[in-house]
Amino acid sequence: MYYELRTYTLKPTRMAEWLALYQSDALAVQTEHLGQLVGFFTTEFGEANQVVHIWAYESLDDRIARRARMAADPRWAEFSRKNRELDAVEHLDSRLMRPTGFSPLK
């Protein structure tokens, strides 16, 4: 199993707007195509204005195939257009992680 940890740093004061757009236009599409959402978080302490979400994949090939299907979905293209127009994201960091043998997440 692989886990993708995606961290979005948003512009100050844009968190509520971005979360509303994500929930209304992206969450269902991503859940349909990517499958297993492990968690979705906002920061309380540390670096401010961050949204973190974690998705699980069976393999690297599984991730590639799922993200390609999502990219081809017109609903995802519409979210991407609205996301660019909102212009709330300052930075995206994406990490692909593999759990250790003793991790509760396998």
PDB file of N, CA and C in Angstrom:
ATOM      1  N   MET A   1       0.854  -1.181   0.000  1.00  0.00           N
ATOM      2  CA  MET A   1       0.000   0.000   0.000  1.00  0.00           C
ATOM      3  C   MET A   1       0.892   1.233   0.000  1.00  0.00           C
ATOM      4  N   TYR A   2       0.471   2.246  -0.724  1.00  0.00           N
ATOM      5  CA  TYR A   2       1.151   3.535  -0.753  1.00  0.00           C
ATOM      6  C   TYR A   2       0.175   4.612  -0.297  1.00  0.00           C
ATOM      7  N   TYR A   3       0.704   5.632   0.347  1.00  0.00           N
ATOM      8  CA  TYR A   3      -0.111   6.745   0.813  1.00  0.00           C
ATOM      9  C   TYR A   3       0.442   8.040   0.225  1.00  0.00           C
ATOM     10  N   GLU A   4      -0.457   8.819  -0.358  1.00  0.00           N
ATOM     11  CA  GLU A   4      -0.061  10.117  -0.882  1.00  0.00           C
ATOM     12  C   GLU A   4      -0.511  11.193   0.100  1.00  0.00           C
ATOM     13  N   LEU A   5       0.447  11.942   0.577  1.00  0.00           N
ATOM     14  CA  LEU A   5       0.199  13.050   1.492  1.00  0.00           C
ATOM     15  C   LEU A   5       0.321  14.329   0.678  1.00  0.00           C
ATOM     16  N   ARG A   6      -0.800  15.037   0.516  1.00  0.00           N
ATOM     17  CA  ARG A   6      -0.818  16.277  -0.262  1.00  0.00           C
ATOM     18  C   ARG A   6      -1.078  17.443   0.680  1.00  0.00           C
ATOM     19  N   THR A   7      -0.198  18.429   0.635  1.00  0.00           N
ATOM     20  CA  THR A   7      -0.328  19.605   1.481  1.00  0.00           C
ATOM     21  C   THR A   7      -0.461  20.832   0.597  1.00  0.00           C
ATOM     22  N   TYR A   8      -1.569  21.532   0.767  1.00  0.00           N
ATOM     23  CA  TYR A   8      -1.811  22.775   0.050  1.00  0.00           C
ATOM     24  C   TYR A   8      -1.635  23.927   1.030  1.00  0.00           C
ATOM     25  N   THR A   9      -0.803  24.889   0.670  1.00  0.00           N
ATOM     26  CA  THR A   9      -0.688  26.115   1.442  1.00  0.00           C
ATOM     27  C   THR A   9      -1.527  27.160   0.718  1.00  0.00           C
ATOM     28  N   LEU A  10      -2.511  27.692   1.428  1.00  0.00           N
ATOM     29  CA  LEU A  10      -3.448  28.634   0.831  1.00  0.00           C
ATOM     30  C   LEU A  10      -3.093  30.062   1.200  1.00  0.00           C
ATOM     31  N   LYS A  11      -3.538  30.982   0.375  1.00  0.00           N
ATOM     32  CA  LYS A  11      -3.335  32.399   0.664  1.00  0.00           C
ATOM     33  C   LYS A  11      -4.149  32.769   1.909  1.00  0.00           C
ATOM     34  N   PRO A  12      -3.619  33.684   2.713  1.00  0.00           N
ATOM     35  CA  PRO A  12      -4.357  34.090   3.912  1.00  0.00           C
ATOM     36  C   PRO A  12      -5.770  34.543   3.566  1.00  0.00           C
ATOM     37  N   THR A  13      -6.698  34.184   4.407  1.00  0.00           N
ATOM     38  CA  THR A  13      -8.140  34.505   4.322  1.00  0.00           C
ATOM     39  C   THR A  13      -8.875  33.727   3.235  1.00  0.00           C
ATOM     40  N   ARG A  14      -8.236  32.771   2.556  1.00  0.00           N
ATOM     41  CA  ARG A  14      -8.901  32.046   1.464  1.00  0.00           C
ATOM     42  C   ARG A  14      -9.331  30.632   1.848  1.00  0.00           C
ATOM     43  N   MET A  15      -9.041  30.217   3.069  1.00  0.00           N
ATOM     44  CA  MET A  15      -9.316  28.842   3.496  1.00  0.00           C
ATOM     45  C   MET A  15     -10.790  28.477   3.339  1.00  0.00           C
ATOM     46  N   ALA A  16     -11.692  29.275   3.867  1.00  0.00           N
ATOM     47  CA  ALA A  16     -13.123  28.934   3.838  1.00  0.00           C
ATOM     48  C   ALA A  16     -13.629  28.812   2.406  1.00  0.00           C
ATOM     49  N   GLU A  17     -13.220  29.724   1.547  1.00  0.00           N
ATOM     50  CA  GLU A  17     -13.659  29.676   0.145  1.00  0.00           C
ATOM     51  C   GLU A  17     -13.134  28.419  -0.543  1.00  0.00           C
ATOM     52  N   TRP A  18     -11.859  28.113  -0.310  1.00  0.00           N
ATOM     53  CA  TRP A  18     -11.271  26.949  -0.969  1.00  0.00           C
ATOM     54  C   TRP A  18     -11.912  25.653  -0.480  1.00  0.00           C
ATOM     55  N   LEU A  19     -12.112  25.538   0.828  1.00  0.00           N
ATOM     56  CA  LEU A  19     -12.747  24.330   1.368  1.00  0.00           C
ATOM     57  C   LEU A  19     -14.169  24.166   0.832  1.00  0.00           C
ATOM     58  N   ALA A  20     -14.904  25.260   0.724  1.00  0.00           N
ATOM     59  CA  ALA A  20     -16.270  25.189   0.180  1.00  0.00           C
ATOM     60  C   ALA A  20     -16.240  24.732  -1.269  1.00  0.00           C
ATOM     61  N   LEU A  21     -15.326  25.278  -2.072  1.00  0.00           N
ATOM     62  CA  LEU A  21     -15.210  24.859  -3.474  1.00  0.00           C
ATOM     63  C   LEU A  21     -14.814  23.392  -3.555  1.00  0.00           C
ATOM     64  N   TYR A  22     -13.836  22.986  -2.756  1.00  0.00           N
ATOM     65  CA  TYR A  22     -13.401  21.591  -2.779  1.00  0.00           C
ATOM     66  C   TYR A  22     -14.555  20.654  -2.417  1.00  0.00           C
ATOM     67  N   GLN A  23     -15.269  20.983  -1.363  1.00  0.00           N
ATOM     68  CA  GLN A  23     -16.352  20.108  -0.918  1.00  0.00           C
ATOM     69  C   GLN A  23     -17.469  20.025  -1.958  1.00  0.00           C
ATOM     70  N   SER A  24     -17.801  21.135  -2.592  1.00  0.00           N
ATOM     71  CA  SER A  24     -18.909  21.137  -3.544  1.00  0.00           C
ATOM     72  C   SER A  24     -18.532  20.579  -4.910  1.00  0.00           C
ATOM     73  N   ASP A  25     -17.282  20.757  -5.342  1.00  0.00           N
ATOM     74  CA  ASP A  25     -16.934  20.418  -6.724  1.00  0.00           C
ATOM     75  C   ASP A  25     -15.881  19.324  -6.885  1.00  0.00           C
ATOM     76  N   ALA A  26     -15.089  19.045  -5.874  1.00  0.00           N
ATOM     77  CA  ALA A  26     -13.971  18.110  -6.057  1.00  0.00           C
ATOM     78  C   ALA A  26     -14.072  16.833  -5.243  1.00  0.00           C
ATOM     79  N   LEU A  27     -14.605  16.906  -4.045  1.00  0.00           N
ATOM     80  CA  LEU A  27     -14.579  15.755  -3.142  1.00  0.00           C
ATOM     81  C   LEU A  27     -15.221  14.516  -3.755  1.00  0.00           C
ATOM     82  N   ALA A  28     -16.408  14.654  -4.311  1.00  0.00           N
ATOM     83  CA  ALA A  28     -17.096  13.481  -4.886  1.00  0.00           C
ATOM     84  C   ALA A  28     -16.324  12.903  -6.071  1.00  0.00           C
ATOM     85  N   VAL A  29     -15.758  13.769  -6.891  1.00  0.00           N
ATOM     86  CA  VAL A  29     -15.007  13.314  -8.065  1.00  0.00           C
ATOM     87  C   VAL A  29     -13.751  12.569  -7.612  1.00  0.00           C
ATOM     88  N   GLN A  30     -13.039  13.147  -6.669  1.00  0.00           N
ATOM     89  CA  GLN A  30     -11.832  12.475  -6.192  1.00  0.00           C
ATOM     90  C   GLN A  30     -12.163  11.160  -5.503  1.00  0.00           C
ATOM     91  N   THR A  31     -13.199  11.149  -4.686  1.00  0.00           N
ATOM     92  CA  THR A  31     -13.566   9.917  -3.995  1.00  0.00           C
ATOM     93  C   THR A  31     -13.940   8.829  -5.008  1.00  0.00           C
ATOM     94  N   GLU A  32     -14.672   9.207  -6.038  1.00  0.00           N
ATOM     95  CA  GLU A  32     -15.061   8.243  -7.077  1.00  0.00           C
ATOM     96  C   GLU A  32     -13.842   7.667  -7.790  1.00  0.00           C
ATOM     97  N   HIS A  33     -12.890   8.505  -8.137  1.00  0.00           N
ATOM     98  CA  HIS A  33     -11.757   8.045  -8.942  1.00  0.00           C
ATOM     99  C   HIS A  33     -10.575   7.562  -8.111  1.00  0.00           C
ATOM    100  N   LEU A  34     -10.285   8.242  -7.025  1.00  0.00           N
ATOM    101  CA  LEU A  34      -9.089   7.884  -6.266  1.00  0.00           C
ATOM    102  C   LEU A  34      -9.353   6.804  -5.236  1.00  0.00           C
ATOM    103  N   GLY A  35     -10.597   6.705  -4.793  1.00  0.00           N
ATOM    104  CA  GLY A  35     -10.933   5.616  -3.886  1.00  0.00           C
ATOM    105  C   GLY A  35     -10.822   5.957  -2.430  1.00  0.00           C
ATOM    106  N   GLN A  36      -9.754   5.526  -1.804  1.00  0.00           N
ATOM    107  CA  GLN A  36      -9.668   5.533  -0.349  1.00  0.00           C
ATOM    108  C   GLN A  36      -9.078   6.821   0.214  1.00  0.00           C
ATOM    109  N   LEU A  37      -9.954   7.705   0.689  1.00  0.00           N
ATOM    110  CA  LEU A  37      -9.523   8.896   1.408  1.00  0.00           C
ATOM    111  C   LEU A  37      -9.236   8.490   2.851  1.00  0.00           C
ATOM    112  N   VAL A  38      -8.004   8.663   3.278  1.00  0.00           N
ATOM    113  CA  VAL A  38      -7.600   8.281   4.632  1.00  0.00           C
ATOM    114  C   VAL A  38      -7.929   9.396   5.620  1.00  0.00           C
ATOM    115  N   GLY A  39      -7.737  10.653   5.191  1.00  0.00           N
ATOM    116  CA  GLY A  39      -8.026  11.770   6.075  1.00  0.00           C
ATOM    117  C   GLY A  39      -7.897  13.095   5.351  1.00  0.00           C
ATOM    118  N   PHE A  40      -8.559  14.103   5.887  1.00  0.00           N
ATOM    119  CA  PHE A  40      -8.553  15.454   5.326  1.00  0.00           C
ATOM    120  C   PHE A  40      -8.475  16.410   6.505  1.00  0.00           C
ATOM    121  N   PHE A  41      -7.466  17.279   6.529  1.00  0.00           N
ATOM    122  CA  PHE A  41      -7.165  18.068   7.720  1.00  0.00           C
ATOM    123  C   PHE A  41      -6.860  19.520   7.367  1.00  0.00           C
ATOM    124  N   THR A  42      -7.020  20.400   8.345  1.00  0.00           N
ATOM    125  CA  THR A  42      -6.491  21.753   8.278  1.00  0.00           C
ATOM    126  C   THR A  42      -5.560  21.936   9.462  1.00  0.00           C
ATOM    127  N   THR A  43      -4.583  22.811   9.312  1.00  0.00           N
ATOM    128  CA  THR A  43      -3.618  23.007  10.394  1.00  0.00           C
ATOM    129  C   THR A  43      -4.202  23.890  11.490  1.00  0.00           C
ATOM    130  N   GLU A  44      -3.886  23.555  12.711  1.00  0.00           N
ATOM    131  CA  GLU A  44      -4.274  24.345  13.876  1.00  0.00           C
ATOM    132  C   GLU A  44      -3.053  25.053  14.457  1.00  0.00           C
ATOM    133  N   PHE A  45      -1.912  24.387  14.421  1.00  0.00           N
ATOM    134  CA  PHE A  45      -0.657  24.945  14.916  1.00  0.00           C
ATOM    135  C   PHE A  45       0.402  24.699  13.864  1.00  0.00           C
ATOM    136  N   GLY A  46       1.494  25.412  13.959  1.00  0.00           N
ATOM    137  CA  GLY A  46       2.555  25.284  12.968  1.00  0.00           C
ATOM    138  C   GLY A  46       2.285  26.215  11.808  1.00  0.00           C
ATOM    139  N   GLU A  47       2.658  25.775  10.623  1.00  0.00           N
ATOM    140  CA  GLU A  47       2.449  26.627   9.445  1.00  0.00           C
ATOM    141  C   GLU A  47       0.952  26.826   9.204  1.00  0.00           C
ATOM    142  N   ALA A  48       0.561  28.072   9.102  1.00  0.00           N
ATOM    143  CA  ALA A  48      -0.859  28.416   8.963  1.00  0.00           C
ATOM    144  C   ALA A  48      -1.344  28.214   7.533  1.00  0.00           C
ATOM    145  N   ASN A  49      -2.666  28.183   7.400  1.00  0.00           N
ATOM    146  CA  ASN A  49      -3.335  28.159   6.093  1.00  0.00           C
ATOM    147  C   ASN A  49      -3.008  26.920   5.270  1.00  0.00           C
ATOM    148  N   GLN A  50      -2.922  25.773   5.930  1.00  0.00           N
ATOM    149  CA  GLN A  50      -2.633  24.553   5.196  1.00  0.00           C
ATOM    150  C   GLN A  50      -3.794  23.569   5.269  1.00  0.00           C
ATOM    151  N   VAL A  51      -3.978  22.880   4.157  1.00  0.00           N
ATOM    152  CA  VAL A  51      -4.921  21.778   4.050  1.00  0.00           C
ATOM    153  C   VAL A  51      -4.093  20.546   3.693  1.00  0.00           C
ATOM    154  N   VAL A  52      -4.319  19.456   4.412  1.00  0.00           N
ATOM    155  CA  VAL A  52      -3.579  18.222   4.180  1.00  0.00           C
ATOM    156  C   VAL A  52      -4.576  17.104   3.954  1.00  0.00           C
ATOM    157  N   HIS A  53      -4.378  16.333   2.892  1.00  0.00           N
ATOM    158  CA  HIS A  53      -5.203  15.145   2.723  1.00  0.00           C
ATOM    159  C   HIS A  53      -4.340  13.967   2.319  1.00  0.00           C
ATOM    160  N   ILE A  54      -4.821  12.781   2.698  1.00  0.00           N
ATOM    161  CA  ILE A  54      -4.079  11.543   2.483  1.00  0.00           C
ATOM    162  C   ILE A  54      -4.975  10.564   1.740  1.00  0.00           C
ATOM    163  N   TRP A  55      -4.429  10.001   0.654  1.00  0.00           N
ATOM    164  CA  TRP A  55      -5.141   9.011  -0.161  1.00  0.00           C
ATOM    165  C   TRP A  55      -4.316   7.730  -0.192  1.00  0.00           C
ATOM    166  N   ALA A  56      -4.978   6.580  -0.189  1.00  0.00           N
ATOM    167  CA  ALA A  56      -4.299   5.286  -0.208  1.00  0.00           C
ATOM    168  C   ALA A  56      -4.424   4.651  -1.589  1.00  0.00           C
ATOM    169  N   TYR A  57      -3.345   4.011  -2.011  1.00  0.00           N
ATOM    170  CA  TYR A  57      -3.297   3.311  -3.305  1.00  0.00           C
ATOM    171  C   TYR A  57      -2.670   1.940  -3.110  1.00  0.00           C
ATOM    172  N   GLU A  58      -3.115   0.986  -3.897  1.00  0.00           N
ATOM    173  CA  GLU A  58      -2.560  -0.369  -3.830  1.00  0.00           C
ATOM    174  C   GLU A  58      -1.114  -0.409  -4.313  1.00  0.00           C
ATOM    175  N   SER A  59      -0.805   0.424  -5.324  1.00  0.00           N
ATOM    176  CA  SER A  59       0.532   0.421  -5.918  1.00  0.00           C
ATOM    177  C   SER A  59       0.751   1.745  -6.638  1.00  0.00           C
ATOM    178  N   LEU A  60       1.958   1.938  -7.135  1.00  0.00           N
ATOM    179  CA  LEU A  60       2.235   3.137  -7.915  1.00  0.00           C
ATOM    180  C   LEU A  60       1.435   3.124  -9.220  1.00  0.00           C
ATOM    181  N   ASP A  61       1.315   1.948  -9.834  1.00  0.00           N
ATOM    182  CA  ASP A  61       0.517   1.836 -11.058  1.00  0.00           C
ATOM    183  C   ASP A  61      -0.953   2.148 -10.794  1.00  0.00           C
ATOM    184  N   ASP A  62      -1.456   1.723  -9.644  1.00  0.00           N
ATOM    185  CA  ASP A  62      -2.832   2.032  -9.254  1.00  0.00           C
ATOM    186  C   ASP A  62      -3.021   3.542  -9.160  1.00  0.00           C
ATOM    187  N   ARG A  63      -2.075   4.237  -8.537  1.00  0.00           N
ATOM    188  CA  ARG A  63      -2.164   5.696  -8.417  1.00  0.00           C
ATOM    189  C   ARG A  63      -2.165   6.357  -9.793  1.00  0.00           C
ATOM    190  N   ILE A  64      -1.257   5.937 -10.660  1.00  0.00           N
ATOM    191  CA  ILE A  64      -1.167   6.520 -12.007  1.00  0.00           C
ATOM    192  C   ILE A  64      -2.478   6.328 -12.761  1.00  0.00           C
ATOM    193  N   ALA A  65      -3.028   5.124 -12.719  1.00  0.00           N
ATOM    194  CA  ALA A  65      -4.275   4.834 -13.449  1.00  0.00           C
ATOM    195  C   ALA A  65      -5.446   5.630 -12.881  1.00  0.00           C
ATOM    196  N   ARG A  66      -5.556   5.680 -11.574  1.00  0.00           N
ATOM    197  CA  ARG A  66      -6.672   6.403 -10.947  1.00  0.00           C
ATOM    198  C   ARG A  66      -6.602   7.900 -11.227  1.00  0.00           C
ATOM    199  N   ARG A  67      -5.414   8.474 -11.125  1.00  0.00           N
ATOM    200  CA  ARG A  67      -5.283   9.910 -11.375  1.00  0.00           C
ATOM    201  C   ARG A  67      -5.508  10.233 -12.846  1.00  0.00           C
ATOM    202  N   ALA A  68      -5.145   9.343 -13.740  1.00  0.00           N
ATOM    203  CA  ALA A  68      -5.405   9.563 -15.173  1.00  0.00           C
ATOM    204  C   ALA A  68      -6.904   9.562 -15.455  1.00  0.00           C
ATOM    205  N   ARG A  69      -7.633   8.631 -14.841  1.00  0.00           N
ATOM    206  CA  ARG A  69      -9.093   8.609 -15.026  1.00  0.00           C
ATOM    207  C   ARG A  69      -9.732   9.881 -14.481  1.00  0.00           C
ATOM    208  N   MET A  70      -9.241  10.336 -13.339  1.00  0.00           N
ATOM    209  CA  MET A  70      -9.786  11.559 -12.764  1.00  0.00           C
ATOM    210  C   MET A  70      -9.490  12.752 -13.671  1.00  0.00           C
ATOM    211  N   ALA A  71      -8.282  12.830 -14.189  1.00  0.00           N
ATOM    212  CA  ALA A  71      -7.900  13.949 -15.056  1.00  0.00           C
ATOM    213  C   ALA A  71      -8.756  14.007 -16.314  1.00  0.00           C
ATOM    214  N   ALA A  72      -9.270  12.869 -16.764  1.00  0.00           N
ATOM    215  CA  ALA A  72     -10.101  12.826 -17.965  1.00  0.00           C
ATOM    216  C   ALA A  72     -11.569  13.154 -17.691  1.00  0.00           C
ATOM    217  N   ASP A  73     -11.946  13.273 -16.432  1.00  0.00           N
ATOM    218  CA  ASP A  73     -13.338  13.526 -16.061  1.00  0.00           C
ATOM    219  C   ASP A  73     -13.651  15.014 -16.234  1.00  0.00           C
ATOM    220  N   PRO A  74     -14.703  15.363 -16.985  1.00  0.00           N
ATOM    221  CA  PRO A  74     -15.053  16.778 -17.182  1.00  0.00           C
ATOM    222  C   PRO A  74     -15.373  17.515 -15.882  1.00  0.00           C
ATOM    223  N   ARG A  75     -15.861  16.795 -14.880  1.00  0.00           N
ATOM    224  CA  ARG A  75     -16.127  17.437 -13.583  1.00  0.00           C
ATOM    225  C   ARG A  75     -14.839  17.895 -12.925  1.00  0.00           C
ATOM    226  N   TRP A  76     -13.759  17.121 -13.109  1.00  0.00           N
ATOM    227  CA  TRP A  76     -12.473  17.513 -12.553  1.00  0.00           C
ATOM    228  C   TRP A  76     -11.931  18.736 -13.297  1.00  0.00           C
ATOM    229  N   ALA A  77     -12.119  18.766 -14.598  1.00  0.00           N
ATOM    230  CA  ALA A  77     -11.700  19.931 -15.385  1.00  0.00           C
ATOM    231  C   ALA A  77     -12.447  21.181 -14.931  1.00  0.00           C
ATOM    232  N   GLU A  78     -13.719  21.046 -14.623  1.00  0.00           N
ATOM    233  CA  GLU A  78     -14.509  22.188 -14.151  1.00  0.00           C
ATOM    234  C   GLU A  78     -14.017  22.652 -12.783  1.00  0.00           C
ATOM    235  N   PHE A  79     -13.745  21.717 -11.881  1.00  0.00           N
ATOM    236  CA  PHE A  79     -13.177  22.106 -10.588  1.00  0.00           C
ATOM    237  C   PHE A  79     -11.838  22.813 -10.789  1.00  0.00           C
ATOM    238  N   SER A  80     -11.003  22.273 -11.648  1.00  0.00           N
ATOM    239  CA  SER A  80      -9.683  22.868 -11.882  1.00  0.00           C
ATOM    240  C   SER A  80      -9.805  24.297 -12.398  1.00  0.00           C
ATOM    241  N   ARG A  81     -10.767  24.527 -13.277  1.00  0.00           N
ATOM    242  CA  ARG A  81     -11.000  25.880 -13.794  1.00  0.00           C
ATOM    243  C   ARG A  81     -11.404  26.818 -12.656  1.00  0.00           C
ATOM    244  N   LYS A  82     -12.363  26.393 -11.843  1.00  0.00           N
ATOM    245  CA  LYS A  82     -12.823  27.224 -10.721  1.00  0.00           C
ATOM    246  C   LYS A  82     -11.702  27.443  -9.711  1.00  0.00           C
ATOM    247  N   ASN A  83     -10.885  26.414  -9.495  1.00  0.00           N
ATOM    248  CA  ASN A  83      -9.771  26.511  -8.562  1.00  0.00           C
ATOM    249  C   ASN A  83      -8.756  27.553  -9.040  1.00  0.00           C
ATOM    250  N   ARG A  84      -8.458  27.548 -10.337  1.00  0.00           N
ATOM    251  CA  ARG A  84      -7.549  28.566 -10.887  1.00  0.00           C
ATOM    252  C   ARG A  84      -8.142  29.963 -10.735  1.00  0.00           C
ATOM    253  N   GLU A  85      -9.433  30.105 -11.000  1.00  0.00           N
ATOM    254  CA  GLU A  85     -10.090  31.407 -10.880  1.00  0.00           C
ATOM    255  C   GLU A  85     -10.091  31.903  -9.436  1.00  0.00           C
ATOM    256  N   LEU A  86     -10.293  31.002  -8.492  1.00  0.00           N
ATOM    257  CA  LEU A  86     -10.274  31.384  -7.077  1.00  0.00           C
ATOM    258  C   LEU A  86      -8.882  31.872  -6.668  1.00  0.00           C
ATOM    259  N   ASP A  87      -7.853  31.269  -7.259  1.00  0.00           N
ATOM    260  CA  ASP A  87      -6.468  31.687  -7.026  1.00  0.00           C
ATOM    261  C   ASP A  87      -6.129  31.715  -5.536  1.00  0.00           C
ATOM    262  N   ALA A  88      -6.460  30.632  -4.852  1.00  0.00           N
ATOM    263  CA  ALA A  88      -6.236  30.566  -3.409  1.00  0.00           C
ATOM    264  C   ALA A  88      -4.985  29.778  -3.036  1.00  0.00           C
ATOM    265  N   VAL A  89      -4.506  28.924  -3.924  1.00  0.00           N
ATOM    266  CA  VAL A  89      -3.392  28.033  -3.589  1.00  0.00           C
ATOM    267  C   VAL A  89      -2.061  28.728  -3.868  1.00  0.00           C
ATOM    268  N   GLU A  90      -1.234  28.802  -2.831  1.00  0.00           N
ATOM    269  CA  GLU A  90       0.116  29.353  -2.994  1.00  0.00           C
ATOM    270  C   GLU A  90       1.125  28.275  -3.342  1.00  0.00           C
ATOM    271  N   HIS A  91       0.954  27.083  -2.740  1.00  0.00           N
ATOM    272  CA  HIS A  91       1.962  26.029  -2.908  1.00  0.00           C
ATOM    273  C   HIS A  91       1.317  24.657  -2.700  1.00  0.00           C
ATOM    274  N   LEU A  92       1.787  23.682  -3.449  1.00  0.00           N
ATOM    275  CA  LEU A  92       1.367  22.289  -3.283  1.00  0.00           C
ATOM    276  C   LEU A  92       2.600  21.435  -3.069  1.00  0.00           C
ATOM    277  N   ASP A  93       2.540  20.587  -2.049  1.00  0.00           N
ATOM    278  CA  ASP A  93       3.587  19.606  -1.802  1.00  0.00           C
ATOM    279  C   ASP A  93       2.925  18.237  -1.786  1.00  0.00           C
ATOM    280  N   SER A  94       3.453  17.316  -2.562  1.00  0.00           N
ATOM    281  CA  SER A  94       2.887  15.969  -2.635  1.00  0.00           C
ATOM    282  C   SER A  94       3.988  14.961  -2.327  1.00  0.00           C
ATOM    283  N   ARG A  95       3.695  14.073  -1.381  1.00  0.00           N
ATOM    284  CA  ARG A  95       4.658  13.041  -0.999  1.00  0.00           C
ATOM    285  C   ARG A  95       3.987  11.676  -1.112  1.00  0.00           C
ATOM    286  N   LEU A  96       4.686  10.743  -1.700  1.00  0.00           N
ATOM    287  CA  LEU A  96       4.208   9.374  -1.764  1.00  0.00           C
ATOM    288  C   LEU A  96       4.983   8.579  -0.722  1.00  0.00           C
ATOM    289  N   MET A  97       4.252   7.930   0.179  1.00  0.00           N
ATOM    290  CA  MET A  97       4.890   7.258   1.311  1.00  0.00           C
ATOM    291  C   MET A  97       4.481   5.802   1.357  1.00  0.00           C
ATOM    292  N   ARG A  98       5.389   4.988   1.890  1.00  0.00           N
ATOM    293  CA  ARG A  98       5.116   3.564   2.095  1.00  0.00           C
ATOM    294  C   ARG A  98       5.253   3.277   3.564  1.00  0.00           C
ATOM    295  N   PRO A  99       4.270   2.605   4.173  1.00  0.00           N
ATOM    296  CA  PRO A  99       4.333   2.354   5.616  1.00  0.00           C
ATOM    297  C   PRO A  99       5.427   1.338   5.972  1.00  0.00           C
ATOM    298  N   THR A 100       5.935   1.487   7.173  1.00  0.00           N
ATOM    299  CA  THR A 100       6.894   0.515   7.697  1.00  0.00           C
ATOM    300  C   THR A 100       6.142  -0.772   8.044  1.00  0.00           C
ATOM    301  N   GLY A 101       6.894  -1.810   8.328  1.00  0.00           N
ATOM    302  CA  GLY A 101       6.290  -3.087   8.694  1.00  0.00           C
ATOM    303  C   GLY A 101       5.493  -3.027   9.983  1.00  0.00           C
ATOM    304  N   PHE A 102       5.787  -2.067  10.855  1.00  0.00           N
ATOM    305  CA  PHE A 102       5.080  -1.981  12.137  1.00  0.00           C
ATOM    306  C   PHE A 102       4.042  -0.854  12.175  1.00  0.00           C
ATOM    307  N   SER A 103       3.782  -0.228  11.041  1.00  0.00           N
ATOM    308  CA  SER A 103       2.802   0.850  10.988  1.00  0.00           C
ATOM    309  C   SER A 103       1.390   0.283  11.119  1.00  0.00           C
ATOM    310  N   PRO A 104       0.494   0.999  11.835  1.00  0.00           N
ATOM    311  CA  PRO A 104      -0.900   0.561  11.886  1.00  0.00           C
ATOM    312  C   PRO A 104      -1.566   0.594  10.510  1.00  0.00           C
ATOM    313  N   LEU A 105      -1.092   1.500   9.655  1.00  0.00           N
ATOM    314  CA  LEU A 105      -1.571   1.534   8.266  1.00  0.00           C
ATOM    315  C   LEU A 105      -0.660   0.658   7.432  1.00  0.00           C
ATOM    316  N   LYS A 106      -1.188  -0.330   6.813  1.00  0.00           N
ATOM    317  CA  LYS A 106      -0.383  -1.267   6.011  1.00  0.00           C
ATOM    318  C   LYS A 106      -0.511  -0.969   4.552  1.00  0.00           C
TER     319      LYS A 106
END
